[in-house]
Amino acid sequence: MITCVAHDLRTPLTSVIGYLQLATDMEKYNQEERHKYAEIAMRKANRLQGLIEELFSYTKLMSGEITLHRSEIDIVKLVEQMVEEFYPQFHDNGLEYNLSQNVSGCIIYADGELMARAVQNLISNAIKYGRDGKRVFVEVEKEIQIRVTNFGLIIPQESLTRIFDRFYRVEDSRSVQTGGTGLGLNIARQIVLLHDGAIKVESDTDGTCFTIALPLNM
């Protein structure tokens, strides 16, 4: 665990330090160049902050410190809101997205903040690994199923059985562009299980589809 965390935090931290050094070099670079380096450092720092927050979330889930604060939420509206929040990332990554639902609203009794986090993690994952496929589908069904599908590389069968394991990533996916803690899907799974639901993944020529199924009597 320490090895994985150290690796994933060191890379963005090294970048932040490097670009800040460039941004403060007033003799070698002009104001425009220094401003550009400062902006890059900020993006790297934001990524680092996201990684740290993900680690904290994982630690709380695993230690049992998380208490569900259930209330009535409209899961359809929640998913719609999450998709809207990801519009800039879809745009920046050249991805088309489609949101479809067969019901206009569906009230469930759940922890809205945690369910939002689970959906966010699936959409973020689809953006990271679905760039080559150029599109992402998000679906919400009456039976309280949420599906997020991307059309990037097919996940090998041997990886499908481990995809929700902590720190696990398909080896070819580890890169500066897609690197993270490897905890996003594990966190999503833990949140869904806390709500007595289930999560699964399928990957073939029709796309890679993550499905959350929630009980009707939540």
C-alpha atoms as a PDB file:
ATOM      1  CA  MET A   1       0.000   0.000   0.000  1.00  0.00           C
ATOM      2  CA  ILE A   2       2.772   2.441   0.928  1.00  0.00           C
ATOM      3  CA  THR A   3       4.606   1.670  -2.334  1.00  0.00           C
ATOM      4  CA  CYS A   4       1.497   2.329  -4.432  1.00  0.00           C
ATOM      5  CA  VAL A   5       0.658   5.549  -2.594  1.00  0.00           C
ATOM      6  CA  ALA A   6       4.233   6.843  -2.748  1.00  0.00           C
ATOM      7  CA  HIS A   7       4.413   6.200  -6.502  1.00  0.00           C
ATOM      8  CA  ASP A   8       1.114   7.898  -7.270  1.00  0.00           C
ATOM      9  CA  LEU A   9       1.779  10.968  -5.127  1.00  0.00           C
ATOM     10  CA  ARG A  10       5.411  11.432  -6.129  1.00  0.00           C
ATOM     11  CA  THR A  11       4.739  11.919  -9.842  1.00  0.00           C
ATOM     12  CA  PRO A  12       2.378  14.934  -9.624  1.00  0.00           C
ATOM     13  CA  LEU A  13       4.339  16.410  -6.713  1.00  0.00           C
ATOM     14  CA  THR A  14       7.566  16.278  -8.747  1.00  0.00           C
ATOM     15  CA  SER A  15       5.750  18.028 -11.617  1.00  0.00           C
ATOM     16  CA  VAL A  16       4.400  20.752  -9.321  1.00  0.00           C
ATOM     17  CA  ILE A  17       7.869  21.487  -7.943  1.00  0.00           C
ATOM     18  CA  GLY A  18       9.438  21.462 -11.408  1.00  0.00           C
ATOM     19  CA  TYR A  19       6.934  23.846 -12.979  1.00  0.00           C
ATOM     20  CA  LEU A  20       7.006  26.188  -9.977  1.00  0.00           C
ATOM     21  CA  GLN A  21      10.781  26.392 -10.324  1.00  0.00           C
ATOM     22  CA  LEU A  22      10.326  27.402 -13.957  1.00  0.00           C
ATOM     23  CA  ALA A  23       7.583  29.887 -13.044  1.00  0.00           C
ATOM     24  CA  THR A  24       9.850  31.663 -10.553  1.00  0.00           C
ATOM     25  CA  ASP A  25      12.846  31.917 -12.887  1.00  0.00           C
ATOM     26  CA  MET A  26      12.512  35.582 -13.876  1.00  0.00           C
ATOM     27  CA  GLU A  27      15.872  35.724 -15.623  1.00  0.00           C
ATOM     28  CA  LYS A  28      15.304  32.880 -18.052  1.00  0.00           C
ATOM     29  CA  TYR A  29      11.570  33.173 -18.828  1.00  0.00           C
ATOM     30  CA  ASN A  30       9.295  36.096 -19.661  1.00  0.00           C
ATOM     31  CA  GLN A  31       6.027  36.834 -17.876  1.00  0.00           C
ATOM     32  CA  GLU A  32       3.865  34.954 -20.375  1.00  0.00           C
ATOM     33  CA  GLU A  33       5.995  31.810 -20.117  1.00  0.00           C
ATOM     34  CA  ARG A  34       6.071  31.976 -16.317  1.00  0.00           C
ATOM     35  CA  HIS A  35       2.298  32.390 -16.238  1.00  0.00           C
ATOM     36  CA  LYS A  36       1.913  29.284 -18.408  1.00  0.00           C
ATOM     37  CA  TYR A  37       4.144  27.247 -16.090  1.00  0.00           C
ATOM     38  CA  ALA A  38       2.212  28.470 -13.040  1.00  0.00           C
ATOM     39  CA  GLU A  39      -1.067  27.345 -14.622  1.00  0.00           C
ATOM     40  CA  ILE A  40       0.386  23.895 -15.324  1.00  0.00           C
ATOM     41  CA  ALA A  41       1.607  23.677 -11.722  1.00  0.00           C
ATOM     42  CA  MET A  42      -1.903  24.541 -10.512  1.00  0.00           C
ATOM     43  CA  ARG A  43      -3.449  21.767 -12.612  1.00  0.00           C
ATOM     44  CA  LYS A  44      -0.906  19.284 -11.261  1.00  0.00           C
ATOM     45  CA  ALA A  45      -1.565  20.479  -7.694  1.00  0.00           C
ATOM     46  CA  ASN A  46      -5.318  20.026  -8.162  1.00  0.00           C
ATOM     47  CA  ARG A  47      -4.696  16.491  -9.367  1.00  0.00           C
ATOM     48  CA  LEU A  48      -2.534  15.836  -6.321  1.00  0.00           C
ATOM     49  CA  GLN A  49      -5.293  17.156  -4.074  1.00  0.00           C
ATOM     50  CA  GLY A  50      -7.758  14.781  -5.763  1.00  0.00           C
ATOM     51  CA  LEU A  51      -5.475  11.825  -5.130  1.00  0.00           C
ATOM     52  CA  ILE A  52      -5.133  12.708  -1.451  1.00  0.00           C
ATOM     53  CA  GLU A  53      -8.901  13.123  -1.036  1.00  0.00           C
ATOM     54  CA  GLU A  54      -9.401   9.725  -2.651  1.00  0.00           C
ATOM     55  CA  LEU A  55      -6.986   8.148  -0.184  1.00  0.00           C
ATOM     56  CA  PHE A  56      -8.815   9.749   2.748  1.00  0.00           C
ATOM     57  CA  SER A  57     -12.156   8.468   1.432  1.00  0.00           C
ATOM     58  CA  TYR A  58     -10.776   4.971   1.076  1.00  0.00           C
ATOM     59  CA  THR A  59      -9.303   5.028   4.593  1.00  0.00           C
ATOM     60  CA  LYS A  60     -12.629   6.118   6.111  1.00  0.00           C
ATOM     61  CA  LEU A  61     -14.561   3.452   4.228  1.00  0.00           C
ATOM     62  CA  MET A  62     -12.167   0.699   5.233  1.00  0.00           C
ATOM     63  CA  SER A  63     -11.996   1.776   8.887  1.00  0.00           C
ATOM     64  CA  GLY A  64     -15.770   1.850   9.251  1.00  0.00           C
ATOM     65  CA  GLU A  65     -15.759   5.564  10.086  1.00  0.00           C
ATOM     66  CA  ILE A  66     -18.338   6.284   7.402  1.00  0.00           C
ATOM     67  CA  THR A  67     -21.886   6.689   8.696  1.00  0.00           C
ATOM     68  CA  LEU A  68     -24.661   6.776   6.143  1.00  0.00           C
ATOM     69  CA  HIS A  69     -26.730   9.946   6.308  1.00  0.00           C
ATOM     70  CA  ARG A  70     -29.778   8.763   4.423  1.00  0.00           C
ATOM     71  CA  SER A  71     -32.436  11.059   3.076  1.00  0.00           C
ATOM     72  CA  GLU A  72     -34.837  11.088   0.159  1.00  0.00           C
ATOM     73  CA  ILE A  73     -32.939  11.818  -3.058  1.00  0.00           C
ATOM     74  CA  ASP A  74     -33.962  11.685  -6.690  1.00  0.00           C
ATOM     75  CA  ILE A  75     -31.351   9.356  -8.180  1.00  0.00           C
ATOM     76  CA  VAL A  76     -32.264  10.429 -11.727  1.00  0.00           C
ATOM     77  CA  LYS A  77     -31.668  14.102 -10.952  1.00  0.00           C
ATOM     78  CA  LEU A  78     -28.465  13.225  -9.101  1.00  0.00           C
ATOM     79  CA  VAL A  79     -27.030  11.413 -12.131  1.00  0.00           C
ATOM     80  CA  GLU A  80     -28.089  14.280 -14.417  1.00  0.00           C
ATOM     81  CA  GLN A  81     -26.248  16.723 -12.170  1.00  0.00           C
ATOM     82  CA  MET A  82     -23.105  14.575 -12.139  1.00  0.00           C
ATOM     83  CA  VAL A  83     -23.054  14.371 -15.939  1.00  0.00           C
ATOM     84  CA  GLU A  84     -23.451  18.150 -16.234  1.00  0.00           C
ATOM     85  CA  GLU A  85     -20.536  18.706 -13.846  1.00  0.00           C
ATOM     86  CA  PHE A  86     -18.303  16.573 -16.069  1.00  0.00           C
ATOM     87  CA  TYR A  87     -19.065  18.589 -19.223  1.00  0.00           C
ATOM     88  CA  PRO A  88     -15.669  20.379 -19.191  1.00  0.00           C
ATOM     89  CA  GLN A  89     -13.810  17.055 -18.942  1.00  0.00           C
ATOM     90  CA  PHE A  90     -15.863  15.547 -21.761  1.00  0.00           C
ATOM     91  CA  HIS A  91     -15.082  18.592 -23.903  1.00  0.00           C
ATOM     92  CA  ASP A  92     -11.379  18.702 -23.041  1.00  0.00           C
ATOM     93  CA  ASN A  93     -10.973  15.021 -23.898  1.00  0.00           C
ATOM     94  CA  GLY A  94     -12.871  15.216 -27.191  1.00  0.00           C
ATOM     95  CA  LEU A  95     -15.622  12.921 -25.940  1.00  0.00           C
ATOM     96  CA  GLU A  96     -19.255  12.946 -26.964  1.00  0.00           C
ATOM     97  CA  TYR A  97     -21.623  11.913 -24.199  1.00  0.00           C
ATOM     98  CA  ASN A  98     -25.193  10.749 -24.054  1.00  0.00           C
ATOM     99  CA  LEU A  99     -27.457  10.643 -21.003  1.00  0.00           C
ATOM    100  CA  SER A 100     -30.623   8.589 -21.244  1.00  0.00           C
ATOM    101  CA  GLN A 101     -33.245   7.514 -18.727  1.00  0.00           C
ATOM    102  CA  ASN A 102     -36.524   5.617 -18.988  1.00  0.00           C
ATOM    103  CA  VAL A 103     -38.033   7.457 -16.019  1.00  0.00           C
ATOM    104  CA  SER A 104     -38.216  11.178 -15.257  1.00  0.00           C
ATOM    105  CA  GLY A 105     -37.550  10.762 -11.544  1.00  0.00           C
ATOM    106  CA  CYS A 106     -37.006   8.097  -8.901  1.00  0.00           C
ATOM    107  CA  ILE A 107     -36.857   8.783  -5.158  1.00  0.00           C
ATOM    108  CA  ILE A 108     -34.617   6.555  -3.037  1.00  0.00           C
ATOM    109  CA  TYR A 109     -33.557   6.735   0.598  1.00  0.00           C
ATOM    110  CA  ALA A 110     -29.777   6.987   0.464  1.00  0.00           C
ATOM    111  CA  ASP A 111     -26.701   9.038   1.316  1.00  0.00           C
ATOM    112  CA  GLY A 112     -26.726  11.562  -1.506  1.00  0.00           C
ATOM    113  CA  GLU A 113     -23.119  12.658  -1.054  1.00  0.00           C
ATOM    114  CA  LEU A 114     -21.767   9.109  -1.146  1.00  0.00           C
ATOM    115  CA  MET A 115     -23.946   8.051  -4.076  1.00  0.00           C
ATOM    116  CA  ALA A 116     -22.755  11.131  -5.973  1.00  0.00           C
ATOM    117  CA  ARG A 117     -19.167  10.074  -5.260  1.00  0.00           C
ATOM    118  CA  ALA A 118     -19.811   6.568  -6.608  1.00  0.00           C
ATOM    119  CA  VAL A 119     -21.326   7.926  -9.839  1.00  0.00           C
ATOM    120  CA  GLN A 120     -18.533  10.489 -10.178  1.00  0.00           C
ATOM    121  CA  ASN A 121     -15.919   7.759  -9.903  1.00  0.00           C
ATOM    122  CA  LEU A 122     -17.535   5.715 -12.673  1.00  0.00           C
ATOM    123  CA  ILE A 123     -17.824   8.710 -15.012  1.00  0.00           C
ATOM    124  CA  SER A 124     -14.250   9.800 -14.247  1.00  0.00           C
ATOM    125  CA  ASN A 125     -13.065   6.261 -14.992  1.00  0.00           C
ATOM    126  CA  ALA A 126     -14.962   6.249 -18.301  1.00  0.00           C
ATOM    127  CA  ILE A 127     -13.312   9.521 -19.318  1.00  0.00           C
ATOM    128  CA  LYS A 128      -9.815   8.328 -18.384  1.00  0.00           C
ATOM    129  CA  TYR A 129      -9.980   5.017 -20.202  1.00  0.00           C
ATOM    130  CA  GLY A 130     -12.544   5.748 -22.899  1.00  0.00           C
ATOM    131  CA  ARG A 131     -10.793   8.545 -24.805  1.00  0.00           C
ATOM    132  CA  ASP A 132     -10.040   6.309 -27.785  1.00  0.00           C
ATOM    133  CA  GLY A 133     -13.713   5.411 -28.100  1.00  0.00           C
ATOM    134  CA  LYS A 134     -14.752   9.076 -28.479  1.00  0.00           C
ATOM    135  CA  ARG A 135     -18.026   8.681 -26.545  1.00  0.00           C
ATOM    136  CA  VAL A 136     -19.480   7.842 -23.155  1.00  0.00           C
ATOM    137  CA  PHE A 137     -23.009   6.651 -22.438  1.00  0.00           C
ATOM    138  CA  VAL A 138     -24.703   7.198 -19.071  1.00  0.00           C
ATOM    139  CA  GLU A 139     -28.045   5.489 -18.477  1.00  0.00           C
ATOM    140  CA  VAL A 140     -30.544   5.425 -15.611  1.00  0.00           C
ATOM    141  CA  GLU A 141     -33.328   2.825 -15.569  1.00  0.00           C
ATOM    142  CA  LYS A 142     -36.565   2.528 -13.646  1.00  0.00           C
ATOM    143  CA  GLU A 143     -35.297  -0.557 -11.819  1.00  0.00           C
ATOM    144  CA  ILE A 144     -32.701   1.751 -10.242  1.00  0.00           C
ATOM    145  CA  GLN A 145     -29.825   0.761 -12.422  1.00  0.00           C
ATOM    146  CA  ILE A 146     -27.119   3.202 -13.382  1.00  0.00           C
ATOM    147  CA  ARG A 147     -24.891   2.291 -16.310  1.00  0.00           C
ATOM    148  CA  VAL A 148     -21.779   4.085 -17.498  1.00  0.00           C
ATOM    149  CA  THR A 149     -20.297   2.817 -20.770  1.00  0.00           C
ATOM    150  CA  ASN A 150     -17.138   3.826 -22.583  1.00  0.00           C
ATOM    151  CA  PHE A 151     -15.780   2.551 -25.867  1.00  0.00           C
ATOM    152  CA  GLY A 152     -12.050   2.564 -25.233  1.00  0.00           C
ATOM    153  CA  LEU A 153      -9.819  -0.483 -25.079  1.00  0.00           C
ATOM    154  CA  ILE A 154     -11.413  -3.763 -24.026  1.00  0.00           C
ATOM    155  CA  ILE A 155     -10.462  -4.853 -20.503  1.00  0.00           C
ATOM    156  CA  PRO A 156      -8.859  -8.336 -20.594  1.00  0.00           C
ATOM    157  CA  GLN A 157     -10.919 -11.084 -18.992  1.00  0.00           C
ATOM    158  CA  GLU A 158      -8.285 -11.754 -16.345  1.00  0.00           C
ATOM    159  CA  SER A 159      -8.470  -8.098 -15.275  1.00  0.00           C
ATOM    160  CA  LEU A 160     -12.267  -7.996 -15.004  1.00  0.00           C
ATOM    161  CA  THR A 161     -12.182 -10.194 -11.908  1.00  0.00           C
ATOM    162  CA  ARG A 162      -9.802  -7.773 -10.163  1.00  0.00           C
ATOM    163  CA  ILE A 163     -10.948  -4.409 -11.486  1.00  0.00           C
ATOM    164  CA  PHE A 164     -12.623  -3.444  -8.172  1.00  0.00           C
ATOM    165  CA  ASP A 165      -9.623  -4.464  -6.050  1.00  0.00           C
ATOM    166  CA  ARG A 166      -7.836  -1.657  -4.233  1.00  0.00           C
ATOM    167  CA  PHE A 167      -4.849  -0.216  -6.124  1.00  0.00           C
ATOM    168  CA  TYR A 168      -5.477  -2.512  -9.098  1.00  0.00           C
ATOM    169  CA  ARG A 169      -5.130  -1.088 -12.591  1.00  0.00           C
ATOM    170  CA  VAL A 170      -4.821  -2.814 -15.921  1.00  0.00           C
ATOM    171  CA  GLU A 171      -1.066  -2.622 -16.527  1.00  0.00           C
ATOM    172  CA  ASP A 172      -1.323  -0.900 -19.903  1.00  0.00           C
ATOM    173  CA  SER A 173      -3.434   1.852 -18.334  1.00  0.00           C
ATOM    174  CA  ARG A 174      -0.774   3.113 -15.923  1.00  0.00           C
ATOM    175  CA  SER A 175       0.428   6.383 -17.379  1.00  0.00           C
ATOM    176  CA  VAL A 176       0.802  10.046 -16.571  1.00  0.00           C
ATOM    177  CA  GLN A 177      -2.492  10.773 -18.329  1.00  0.00           C
ATOM    178  CA  THR A 178      -4.614   8.120 -16.613  1.00  0.00           C
ATOM    179  CA  GLY A 179      -2.669   7.544 -13.423  1.00  0.00           C
ATOM    180  CA  GLY A 180      -4.506   7.745 -10.134  1.00  0.00           C
ATOM    181  CA  THR A 181      -4.545   5.905  -6.868  1.00  0.00           C
ATOM    182  CA  GLY A 182      -6.278   2.873  -8.324  1.00  0.00           C
ATOM    183  CA  LEU A 183      -8.926   3.327  -5.619  1.00  0.00           C
ATOM    184  CA  GLY A 184     -11.770   4.991  -7.523  1.00  0.00           C
ATOM    185  CA  LEU A 185     -13.596   1.807  -8.503  1.00  0.00           C
ATOM    186  CA  ASN A 186     -12.965   0.207  -5.120  1.00  0.00           C
ATOM    187  CA  ILE A 187     -14.469   3.258  -3.395  1.00  0.00           C
ATOM    188  CA  ALA A 188     -17.493   3.134  -5.712  1.00  0.00           C
ATOM    189  CA  ARG A 189     -17.960  -0.545  -4.876  1.00  0.00           C
ATOM    190  CA  GLN A 190     -17.761   0.058  -1.119  1.00  0.00           C
ATOM    191  CA  ILE A 191     -20.339   2.858  -1.336  1.00  0.00           C
ATOM    192  CA  VAL A 192     -22.736   0.699  -3.351  1.00  0.00           C
ATOM    193  CA  LEU A 193     -22.346  -2.193  -0.903  1.00  0.00           C
ATOM    194  CA  LEU A 194     -23.110   0.156   2.004  1.00  0.00           C
ATOM    195  CA  HIS A 195     -26.429   0.816   0.270  1.00  0.00           C
ATOM    196  CA  ASP A 196     -27.102  -2.946  -0.094  1.00  0.00           C
ATOM    197  CA  GLY A 197     -26.582  -2.683  -3.831  1.00  0.00           C
ATOM    198  CA  ALA A 198     -24.320  -4.405  -6.344  1.00  0.00           C
ATOM    199  CA  ILE A 199     -21.858  -3.260  -8.979  1.00  0.00           C
ATOM    200  CA  LYS A 200     -20.468  -5.171 -11.942  1.00  0.00           C
ATOM    201  CA  VAL A 201     -18.460  -4.640 -15.101  1.00  0.00           C
ATOM    202  CA  GLU A 202     -18.600  -6.130 -18.588  1.00  0.00           C
ATOM    203  CA  SER A 203     -16.136  -5.413 -21.395  1.00  0.00           C
ATOM    204  CA  ASP A 204     -16.286  -6.568 -25.012  1.00  0.00           C
ATOM    205  CA  THR A 205     -16.582  -5.149 -28.524  1.00  0.00           C
ATOM    206  CA  ASP A 206     -19.817  -3.401 -27.475  1.00  0.00           C
ATOM    207  CA  GLY A 207     -17.931  -1.304 -24.922  1.00  0.00           C
ATOM    208  CA  THR A 208     -16.915  -1.405 -21.268  1.00  0.00           C
ATOM    209  CA  CYS A 209     -20.011  -1.083 -19.099  1.00  0.00           C
ATOM    210  CA  PHE A 210     -20.135  -0.524 -15.331  1.00  0.00           C
ATOM    211  CA  THR A 211     -23.556  -1.141 -13.788  1.00  0.00           C
ATOM    212  CA  ILE A 212     -24.807  -0.116 -10.346  1.00  0.00           C
ATOM    213  CA  ALA A 213     -27.954  -1.909  -9.168  1.00  0.00           C
ATOM    214  CA  LEU A 214     -29.734  -0.513  -6.100  1.00  0.00           C
ATOM    215  CA  PRO A 215     -32.597  -2.159  -4.154  1.00  0.00           C
ATOM    216  CA  LEU A 216     -36.059  -0.750  -4.738  1.00  0.00           C
ATOM    217  CA  ASN A 217     -36.843  -0.506  -1.031  1.00  0.00           C
ATOM    218  CA  MET A 218     -33.950   1.816  -0.123  1.00  0.00           C
END
